[in-house]
C-alpha atoms as a PDB file:
ATOM      1  CA  MET A   1     -22.295 -33.123 -10.737  1.00  0.00           C
ATOM      2  CA  ARG A   2     -21.866 -30.803  -7.749  1.00  0.00           C
ATOM      3  CA  LEU A   3     -19.035 -31.162  -5.251  1.00  0.00           C
ATOM      4  CA  LEU A   4     -20.180 -30.005  -1.809  1.00  0.00           C
ATOM      5  CA  LEU A   5     -17.396 -29.476   0.713  1.00  0.00           C
ATOM      6  CA  PHE A   6     -18.412 -29.070   4.346  1.00  0.00           C
ATOM      7  CA  ASP A   7     -16.597 -27.609   7.311  1.00  0.00           C
ATOM      8  CA  ILE A   8     -17.004 -29.638  10.529  1.00  0.00           C
ATOM      9  CA  ASP A   9     -16.991 -27.623  13.764  1.00  0.00           C
ATOM     10  CA  GLY A  10     -19.866 -25.175  13.953  1.00  0.00           C
ATOM     11  CA  THR A  11     -21.266 -26.380  10.622  1.00  0.00           C
ATOM     12  CA  LEU A  12     -21.983 -30.102  10.997  1.00  0.00           C
ATOM     13  CA  VAL A  13     -21.356 -30.604  14.711  1.00  0.00           C
ATOM     14  CA  GLN A  14     -20.622 -28.676  17.870  1.00  0.00           C
ATOM     15  CA  GLY A  15     -19.540 -29.261  21.462  1.00  0.00           C
ATOM     16  CA  GLY A  16     -17.356 -32.197  22.408  1.00  0.00           C
ATOM     17  CA  PRO A  17     -14.023 -32.320  24.236  1.00  0.00           C
ATOM     18  CA  ALA A  18     -11.617 -31.201  21.515  1.00  0.00           C
ATOM     19  CA  LYS A  19     -10.435 -28.019  23.224  1.00  0.00           C
ATOM     20  CA  GLU A  20      -9.685 -29.839  26.467  1.00  0.00           C
ATOM     21  CA  ALA A  21      -7.864 -32.581  24.551  1.00  0.00           C
ATOM     22  CA  PHE A  22      -5.876 -29.949  22.653  1.00  0.00           C
ATOM     23  CA  HIS A  23      -4.985 -28.171  25.905  1.00  0.00           C
ATOM     24  CA  GLU A  24      -3.720 -31.348  27.556  1.00  0.00           C
ATOM     25  CA  ALA A  25      -1.703 -32.312  24.488  1.00  0.00           C
ATOM     26  CA  MET A  26      -0.122 -28.862  24.220  1.00  0.00           C
ATOM     27  CA  VAL A  27       0.958 -28.859  27.852  1.00  0.00           C
ATOM     28  CA  GLY A  28       2.199 -32.439  27.630  1.00  0.00           C
ATOM     29  CA  THR A  29       4.243 -31.736  24.515  1.00  0.00           C
ATOM     30  CA  PHE A  30       5.441 -28.145  24.894  1.00  0.00           C
ATOM     31  CA  GLY A  31       4.885 -27.397  28.580  1.00  0.00           C
ATOM     32  CA  THR A  32       2.339 -24.685  27.774  1.00  0.00           C
ATOM     33  CA  ALA A  33      -0.911 -24.164  25.935  1.00  0.00           C
ATOM     34  CA  GLY A  34      -0.298 -20.443  25.634  1.00  0.00           C
ATOM     35  CA  ASP A  35      -3.291 -18.144  25.942  1.00  0.00           C
ATOM     36  CA  ILE A  36      -5.723 -20.881  24.941  1.00  0.00           C
ATOM     37  CA  GLU A  37      -8.686 -19.767  27.036  1.00  0.00           C
ATOM     38  CA  VAL A  38      -9.142 -16.528  25.103  1.00  0.00           C
ATOM     39  CA  HIS A  39      -7.682 -17.535  21.730  1.00  0.00           C
ATOM     40  CA  SER A  40     -10.090 -17.877  18.802  1.00  0.00           C
ATOM     41  CA  PHE A  41     -10.062 -21.239  17.028  1.00  0.00           C
ATOM     42  CA  ALA A  42     -12.819 -20.286  14.560  1.00  0.00           C
ATOM     43  CA  GLY A  43     -12.060 -21.105  10.942  1.00  0.00           C
ATOM     44  CA  LYS A  44      -8.379 -21.877  11.571  1.00  0.00           C
ATOM     45  CA  THR A  45      -6.401 -25.036  10.942  1.00  0.00           C
ATOM     46  CA  ASP A  46      -5.143 -27.056  13.892  1.00  0.00           C
ATOM     47  CA  PRO A  47      -1.475 -26.370  12.994  1.00  0.00           C
ATOM     48  CA  GLN A  48      -2.214 -22.650  12.681  1.00  0.00           C
ATOM     49  CA  ILE A  49      -3.853 -22.613  16.124  1.00  0.00           C
ATOM     50  CA  ALA A  50      -0.969 -24.481  17.714  1.00  0.00           C
ATOM     51  CA  ARG A  51       1.617 -22.199  16.112  1.00  0.00           C
ATOM     52  CA  GLU A  52      -0.216 -19.018  17.119  1.00  0.00           C
ATOM     53  CA  LEU A  53      -0.517 -20.169  20.728  1.00  0.00           C
ATOM     54  CA  LEU A  54       3.054 -21.385  20.998  1.00  0.00           C
ATOM     55  CA  THR A  55       4.809 -18.491  19.291  1.00  0.00           C
ATOM     56  CA  GLY A  56       2.663 -16.182  21.407  1.00  0.00           C
ATOM     57  CA  ALA A  57       4.146 -17.961  24.434  1.00  0.00           C
ATOM     58  CA  GLY A  58       7.669 -17.321  23.161  1.00  0.00           C
ATOM     59  CA  ILE A  59       8.422 -20.654  21.485  1.00  0.00           C
ATOM     60  CA  ASP A  60      10.234 -20.363  18.158  1.00  0.00           C
ATOM     61  CA  ASP A  61       8.905 -21.801  14.892  1.00  0.00           C
ATOM     62  CA  ARG A  62      11.614 -24.465  14.617  1.00  0.00           C
ATOM     63  CA  THR A  63      10.760 -25.873  18.028  1.00  0.00           C
ATOM     64  CA  VAL A  64       7.089 -25.825  17.078  1.00  0.00           C
ATOM     65  CA  ASP A  65       7.769 -27.718  13.842  1.00  0.00           C
ATOM     66  CA  VAL A  66       9.826 -30.381  15.607  1.00  0.00           C
ATOM     67  CA  GLY A  67       7.168 -30.912  18.266  1.00  0.00           C
ATOM     68  CA  LEU A  68       4.037 -30.984  16.098  1.00  0.00           C
ATOM     69  CA  PRO A  69       4.111 -34.744  15.309  1.00  0.00           C
ATOM     70  CA  ARG A  70       4.237 -35.523  19.036  1.00  0.00           C
ATOM     71  CA  LEU A  71       1.495 -32.985  19.677  1.00  0.00           C
ATOM     72  CA  TRP A  72      -0.877 -34.656  17.193  1.00  0.00           C
ATOM     73  CA  GLN A  73      -0.164 -38.086  18.617  1.00  0.00           C
ATOM     74  CA  ARG A  74      -1.032 -36.899  22.137  1.00  0.00           C
ATOM     75  CA  TYR A  75      -4.034 -34.910  20.944  1.00  0.00           C
ATOM     76  CA  LEU A  76      -5.591 -37.849  19.111  1.00  0.00           C
ATOM     77  CA  MET A  77      -5.174 -40.107  22.143  1.00  0.00           C
ATOM     78  CA  GLU A  78      -6.760 -37.500  24.409  1.00  0.00           C
ATOM     79  CA  LEU A  79      -9.562 -36.787  21.936  1.00  0.00           C
ATOM     80  CA  GLU A  80     -10.488 -40.414  21.370  1.00  0.00           C
ATOM     81  CA  THR A  81     -10.601 -41.117  25.099  1.00  0.00           C
ATOM     82  CA  ARG A  82     -12.811 -38.116  25.835  1.00  0.00           C
ATOM     83  CA  LEU A  83     -15.165 -38.588  22.863  1.00  0.00           C
ATOM     84  CA  ALA A  84     -16.161 -42.006  24.185  1.00  0.00           C
ATOM     85  CA  GLY A  85     -18.036 -40.328  27.029  1.00  0.00           C
ATOM     86  CA  ARG A  86     -18.718 -36.963  25.461  1.00  0.00           C
ATOM     87  CA  PRO A  87     -19.395 -37.233  21.725  1.00  0.00           C
ATOM     88  CA  MET A  88     -19.978 -34.311  19.424  1.00  0.00           C
ATOM     89  CA  VAL A  89     -23.526 -32.988  18.913  1.00  0.00           C
ATOM     90  CA  ILE A  90     -25.026 -32.956  15.411  1.00  0.00           C
ATOM     91  CA  LEU A  91     -26.399 -29.539  14.485  1.00  0.00           C
ATOM     92  CA  ALA A  92     -29.990 -28.937  13.419  1.00  0.00           C
ATOM     93  CA  GLY A  93     -30.916 -30.215   9.967  1.00  0.00           C
ATOM     94  CA  VAL A  94     -27.589 -31.844   9.181  1.00  0.00           C
ATOM     95  CA  LEU A  95     -28.740 -35.466   9.021  1.00  0.00           C
ATOM     96  CA  ASP A  96     -31.833 -34.661   6.975  1.00  0.00           C
ATOM     97  CA  LEU A  97     -29.772 -32.582   4.563  1.00  0.00           C
ATOM     98  CA  LEU A  98     -27.092 -35.224   4.065  1.00  0.00           C
ATOM     99  CA  ARG A  99     -29.707 -37.909   3.463  1.00  0.00           C
ATOM    100  CA  ALA A 100     -31.577 -35.688   1.017  1.00  0.00           C
ATOM    101  CA  LEU A 101     -28.379 -34.936  -0.900  1.00  0.00           C
ATOM    102  CA  GLU A 102     -27.559 -38.616  -1.142  1.00  0.00           C
ATOM    103  CA  ARG A 103     -31.060 -39.360  -2.442  1.00  0.00           C
ATOM    104  CA  THR A 104     -30.926 -36.677  -5.116  1.00  0.00           C
ATOM    105  CA  GLY A 105     -27.855 -38.092  -6.819  1.00  0.00           C
ATOM    106  CA  GLY A 106     -25.612 -35.848  -8.849  1.00  0.00           C
ATOM    107  CA  THR A 107     -23.719 -34.685  -5.784  1.00  0.00           C
ATOM    108  CA  ALA A 108     -20.378 -35.633  -4.300  1.00  0.00           C
ATOM    109  CA  LEU A 109     -19.885 -34.920  -0.603  1.00  0.00           C
ATOM    110  CA  GLY A 110     -16.593 -34.008   0.995  1.00  0.00           C
ATOM    111  CA  LEU A 111     -14.909 -32.002   3.718  1.00  0.00           C
ATOM    112  CA  VAL A 112     -12.769 -28.901   3.921  1.00  0.00           C
ATOM    113  CA  THR A 113     -11.765 -28.546   7.555  1.00  0.00           C
ATOM    114  CA  GLY A 114      -9.002 -27.159   9.703  1.00  0.00           C
ATOM    115  CA  ASN A 115      -9.012 -30.355  11.754  1.00  0.00           C
ATOM    116  CA  ILE A 116      -6.159 -32.750  11.215  1.00  0.00           C
ATOM    117  CA  ALA A 117      -7.467 -35.747   9.268  1.00  0.00           C
ATOM    118  CA  ASP A 118      -7.642 -38.248  12.123  1.00  0.00           C
ATOM    119  CA  GLY A 119      -9.225 -35.643  14.396  1.00  0.00           C
ATOM    120  CA  ALA A 120     -11.938 -35.079  11.786  1.00  0.00           C
ATOM    121  CA  ARG A 121     -12.512 -38.825  11.560  1.00  0.00           C
ATOM    122  CA  LEU A 122     -12.839 -39.155  15.330  1.00  0.00           C
ATOM    123  CA  LYS A 123     -15.212 -36.211  15.686  1.00  0.00           C
ATOM    124  CA  LEU A 124     -17.535 -37.283  12.878  1.00  0.00           C
ATOM    125  CA  GLY A 125     -17.259 -40.937  13.849  1.00  0.00           C
ATOM    126  CA  SER A 126     -18.462 -40.155  17.368  1.00  0.00           C
ATOM    127  CA  VAL A 127     -21.893 -39.275  15.912  1.00  0.00           C
ATOM    128  CA  GLY A 128     -21.979 -41.607  12.914  1.00  0.00           C
ATOM    129  CA  LEU A 129     -21.323 -39.008  10.207  1.00  0.00           C
ATOM    130  CA  ALA A 130     -17.924 -40.069   8.898  1.00  0.00           C
ATOM    131  CA  ASP A 131     -19.207 -42.387   6.157  1.00  0.00           C
ATOM    132  CA  HIS A 132     -21.144 -39.599   4.423  1.00  0.00           C
ATOM    133  CA  PHE A 133     -17.922 -37.995   3.120  1.00  0.00           C
ATOM    134  CA  ARG A 134     -15.715 -39.787   0.618  1.00  0.00           C
ATOM    135  CA  VAL A 135     -13.071 -37.091   0.193  1.00  0.00           C
ATOM    136  CA  GLY A 136     -11.673 -34.157   2.095  1.00  0.00           C
ATOM    137  CA  SER A 137      -8.790 -31.865   2.863  1.00  0.00           C
ATOM    138  CA  TYR A 138      -7.549 -31.155   6.340  1.00  0.00           C
ATOM    139  CA  GLY A 139      -5.318 -29.014   8.496  1.00  0.00           C
ATOM    140  CA  SER A 140      -2.784 -31.835   8.336  1.00  0.00           C
ATOM    141  CA  ASP A 141      -2.561 -31.255   4.564  1.00  0.00           C
ATOM    142  CA  ASP A 142      -1.706 -27.552   4.764  1.00  0.00           C
ATOM    143  CA  GLU A 143      -1.526 -24.978   7.553  1.00  0.00           C
ATOM    144  CA  ALA A 144      -3.099 -22.348   5.273  1.00  0.00           C
ATOM    145  CA  ARG A 145      -6.858 -22.868   5.007  1.00  0.00           C
ATOM    146  CA  ASN A 146      -6.998 -21.128   1.611  1.00  0.00           C
ATOM    147  CA  HIS A 147      -5.042 -24.010   0.119  1.00  0.00           C
ATOM    148  CA  LEU A 148      -7.466 -26.687   1.289  1.00  0.00           C
ATOM    149  CA  PRO A 149     -10.267 -26.400  -1.318  1.00  0.00           C
ATOM    150  CA  GLY A 150      -7.823 -27.060  -4.148  1.00  0.00           C
ATOM    151  CA  ILE A 151      -6.522 -30.161  -2.378  1.00  0.00           C
ATOM    152  CA  ALA A 152     -10.075 -31.444  -1.844  1.00  0.00           C
ATOM    153  CA  MET A 153     -10.958 -30.814  -5.486  1.00  0.00           C
ATOM    154  CA  GLN A 154      -7.911 -32.757  -6.663  1.00  0.00           C
ATOM    155  CA  ARG A 155      -8.811 -35.683  -4.424  1.00  0.00           C
ATOM    156  CA  ALA A 156     -12.408 -35.559  -5.624  1.00  0.00           C
ATOM    157  CA  ARG A 157     -11.196 -35.764  -9.210  1.00  0.00           C
ATOM    158  CA  GLU A 158      -9.235 -38.913  -8.364  1.00  0.00           C
ATOM    159  CA  VAL A 159     -12.035 -40.562  -6.354  1.00  0.00           C
ATOM    160  CA  PHE A 160     -15.003 -39.651  -8.568  1.00  0.00           C
ATOM    161  CA  GLY A 161     -13.151 -39.812 -11.880  1.00  0.00           C
ATOM    162  CA  ARG A 162     -14.110 -36.351 -13.102  1.00  0.00           C
ATOM    163  CA  THR A 163     -12.922 -32.766 -12.973  1.00  0.00           C
ATOM    164  CA  PHE A 164     -15.216 -30.423 -11.049  1.00  0.00           C
ATOM    165  CA  ARG A 165     -15.624 -26.946 -12.453  1.00  0.00           C
ATOM    166  CA  ARG A 166     -15.207 -24.287  -9.797  1.00  0.00           C
ATOM    167  CA  ARG A 167     -18.762 -23.042 -10.315  1.00  0.00           C
ATOM    168  CA  ASP A 168     -19.954 -26.579  -9.486  1.00  0.00           C
ATOM    169  CA  VAL A 169     -18.151 -26.640  -6.134  1.00  0.00           C
ATOM    170  CA  VAL A 170     -19.712 -25.198  -2.962  1.00  0.00           C
ATOM    171  CA  ILE A 171     -17.895 -24.632   0.319  1.00  0.00           C
ATOM    172  CA  VAL A 172     -20.274 -24.816   3.299  1.00  0.00           C
ATOM    173  CA  GLY A 173     -19.025 -23.282   6.536  1.00  0.00           C
ATOM    174  CA  ASP A 174     -19.809 -21.136   9.533  1.00  0.00           C
ATOM    175  CA  THR A 175     -16.976 -18.584   9.534  1.00  0.00           C
ATOM    176  CA  PRO A 176     -15.693 -15.834   7.238  1.00  0.00           C
ATOM    177  CA  ARG A 177     -12.552 -17.945   6.783  1.00  0.00           C
ATOM    178  CA  ASP A 178     -14.656 -20.696   5.201  1.00  0.00           C
ATOM    179  CA  VAL A 179     -16.066 -18.134   2.800  1.00  0.00           C
ATOM    180  CA  GLU A 180     -12.613 -16.693   2.139  1.00  0.00           C
ATOM    181  CA  CYS A 181     -11.079 -20.055   1.259  1.00  0.00           C
ATOM    182  CA  GLY A 182     -13.892 -20.709  -1.213  1.00  0.00           C
ATOM    183  CA  LYS A 183     -13.505 -17.302  -2.799  1.00  0.00           C
ATOM    184  CA  HIS A 184      -9.738 -17.816  -2.968  1.00  0.00           C
ATOM    185  CA  GLU A 185     -10.276 -20.981  -5.031  1.00  0.00           C
ATOM    186  CA  GLY A 186     -13.122 -19.452  -7.080  1.00  0.00           C
ATOM    187  CA  THR A 187     -15.851 -21.763  -5.771  1.00  0.00           C
ATOM    188  CA  ARG A 188     -19.344 -20.873  -4.583  1.00  0.00           C
ATOM    189  CA  THR A 189     -19.981 -20.545  -0.848  1.00  0.00           C
ATOM    190  CA  LEU A 190     -22.809 -21.117   1.615  1.00  0.00           C
ATOM    191  CA  GLY A 191     -22.407 -19.414   4.993  1.00  0.00           C
ATOM    192  CA  VAL A 192     -24.219 -20.995   7.939  1.00  0.00           C
ATOM    193  CA  ALA A 193     -24.673 -18.859  11.059  1.00  0.00           C
ATOM    194  CA  THR A 194     -24.445 -21.736  13.546  1.00  0.00           C
ATOM    195  CA  GLY A 195     -21.035 -20.844  14.938  1.00  0.00           C
ATOM    196  CA  HIS A 196     -19.578 -17.632  16.332  1.00  0.00           C
ATOM    197  CA  TYR A 197     -20.528 -15.435  13.374  1.00  0.00           C
ATOM    198  CA  GLY A 198     -23.926 -14.021  12.480  1.00  0.00           C
ATOM    199  CA  LEU A 199     -25.665 -13.695   9.154  1.00  0.00           C
ATOM    200  CA  GLN A 200     -24.328 -10.217   8.446  1.00  0.00           C
ATOM    201  CA  SER A 201     -20.710 -11.199   9.093  1.00  0.00           C
ATOM    202  CA  LEU A 202     -21.027 -14.014   6.576  1.00  0.00           C
ATOM    203  CA  ARG A 203     -22.680 -11.708   4.049  1.00  0.00           C
ATOM    204  CA  ASP A 204     -19.918  -9.163   4.550  1.00  0.00           C
ATOM    205  CA  ALA A 205     -17.361 -11.890   3.884  1.00  0.00           C
ATOM    206  CA  GLY A 206     -18.953 -12.380   0.449  1.00  0.00           C
ATOM    207  CA  ALA A 207     -20.858 -15.661   0.837  1.00  0.00           C
ATOM    208  CA  ASP A 208     -23.074 -16.448  -2.163  1.00  0.00           C
ATOM    209  CA  HIS A 209     -25.842 -17.671   0.147  1.00  0.00           C
ATOM    210  CA  VAL A 210     -26.315 -17.246   3.897  1.00  0.00           C
ATOM    211  CA  VAL A 211     -28.644 -19.226   6.171  1.00  0.00           C
ATOM    212  CA  GLY A 212     -29.304 -19.322   9.894  1.00  0.00           C
ATOM    213  CA  ASP A 213     -28.887 -23.092  10.065  1.00  0.00           C
ATOM    214  CA  LEU A 214     -29.329 -26.189   7.906  1.00  0.00           C
ATOM    215  CA  SER A 215     -32.798 -27.147   9.125  1.00  0.00           C
ATOM    216  CA  ASP A 216     -34.837 -25.981   6.083  1.00  0.00           C
ATOM    217  CA  THR A 217     -33.815 -28.861   3.848  1.00  0.00           C
ATOM    218  CA  GLU A 218     -35.605 -27.733   0.702  1.00  0.00           C
ATOM    219  CA  SER A 219     -34.225 -24.195   0.724  1.00  0.00           C
ATOM    220  CA  ILE A 220     -30.724 -25.470   1.487  1.00  0.00           C
ATOM    221  CA  LEU A 221     -30.963 -27.899  -1.422  1.00  0.00           C
ATOM    222  CA  ASP A 222     -31.965 -25.039  -3.683  1.00  0.00           C
ATOM    223  CA  ALA A 223     -28.981 -22.956  -2.534  1.00  0.00           C
ATOM    224  CA  LEU A 224     -26.560 -25.832  -3.022  1.00  0.00           C
ATOM    225  CA  LEU A 225     -27.841 -27.256  -6.294  1.00  0.00           C
ATOM    226  CA  GLN A 226     -29.162 -24.281  -8.243  1.00  0.00           C
ATOM    227  CA  GLY A 227     -27.259 -21.565 -10.104  1.00  0.00           C
END
C-alpha cells in the first residue's frame, strides 16, 4: 500500500482569504503583522510564519509563544467567516486525481501541511475536499516542516493498521520545502509547479518526479504508484 501525503496551498487549492485572516489576527493579538505584505509564506508552517514576522518586528520569542494560542483562536474565527463568502479554489486535476486514487485501492491519502490543523480543515472543507484525507500532520504539530512527514506516517500506521516503508510514501507539494521535508524523512517526492516555484526549481530541490500540474491523471498515477 502507498501512503500519499499532500500539501494544501498551491498543491490542492489556491486563493481564499487566509492571508487577510492571518493579518487581522496578528494585529488583533500582537498589535502588528510585521512585514506581511512582502514576506514569503511558501512551504512554511503557520507558527514559523508568525514567529518570523513577529521577531522581525522586534517581539521576543517568549512573547510570541505566550500569544500564539490567542493568535490561532482569532485566526480561525476570521478564516471561517471569510471562507463563507470566498472559498478556496480547487486546482486543475485535483478532484479527478483523488477520485482515481480512491478507485484504484491500495493507497492511503493524507496531508502534510504547514497549516494548523483546524485551518487545514476549514480550507479543504470550503471546497468539499476534507473527507478525502484520513490522516495528516500540521503546523500545529511542529513548527519545523521537516518533522511533519514522520508524524503523518506514525498516524497513518495507527489509522490504517500497518507500517509504511519510506519508499512507499510520497510527499506531493509545490515548493522546495515540500521536497526537502520528504527527502529529510527518506520518502519519495512529487513536485507540482502550481505555486510560486517552477519546474526547474523543484528539480533542483531533488524531487523524484516533477509535473506542471495534476491535470494528466494517468501520468500522475504512474508517478505516484510506480517505482
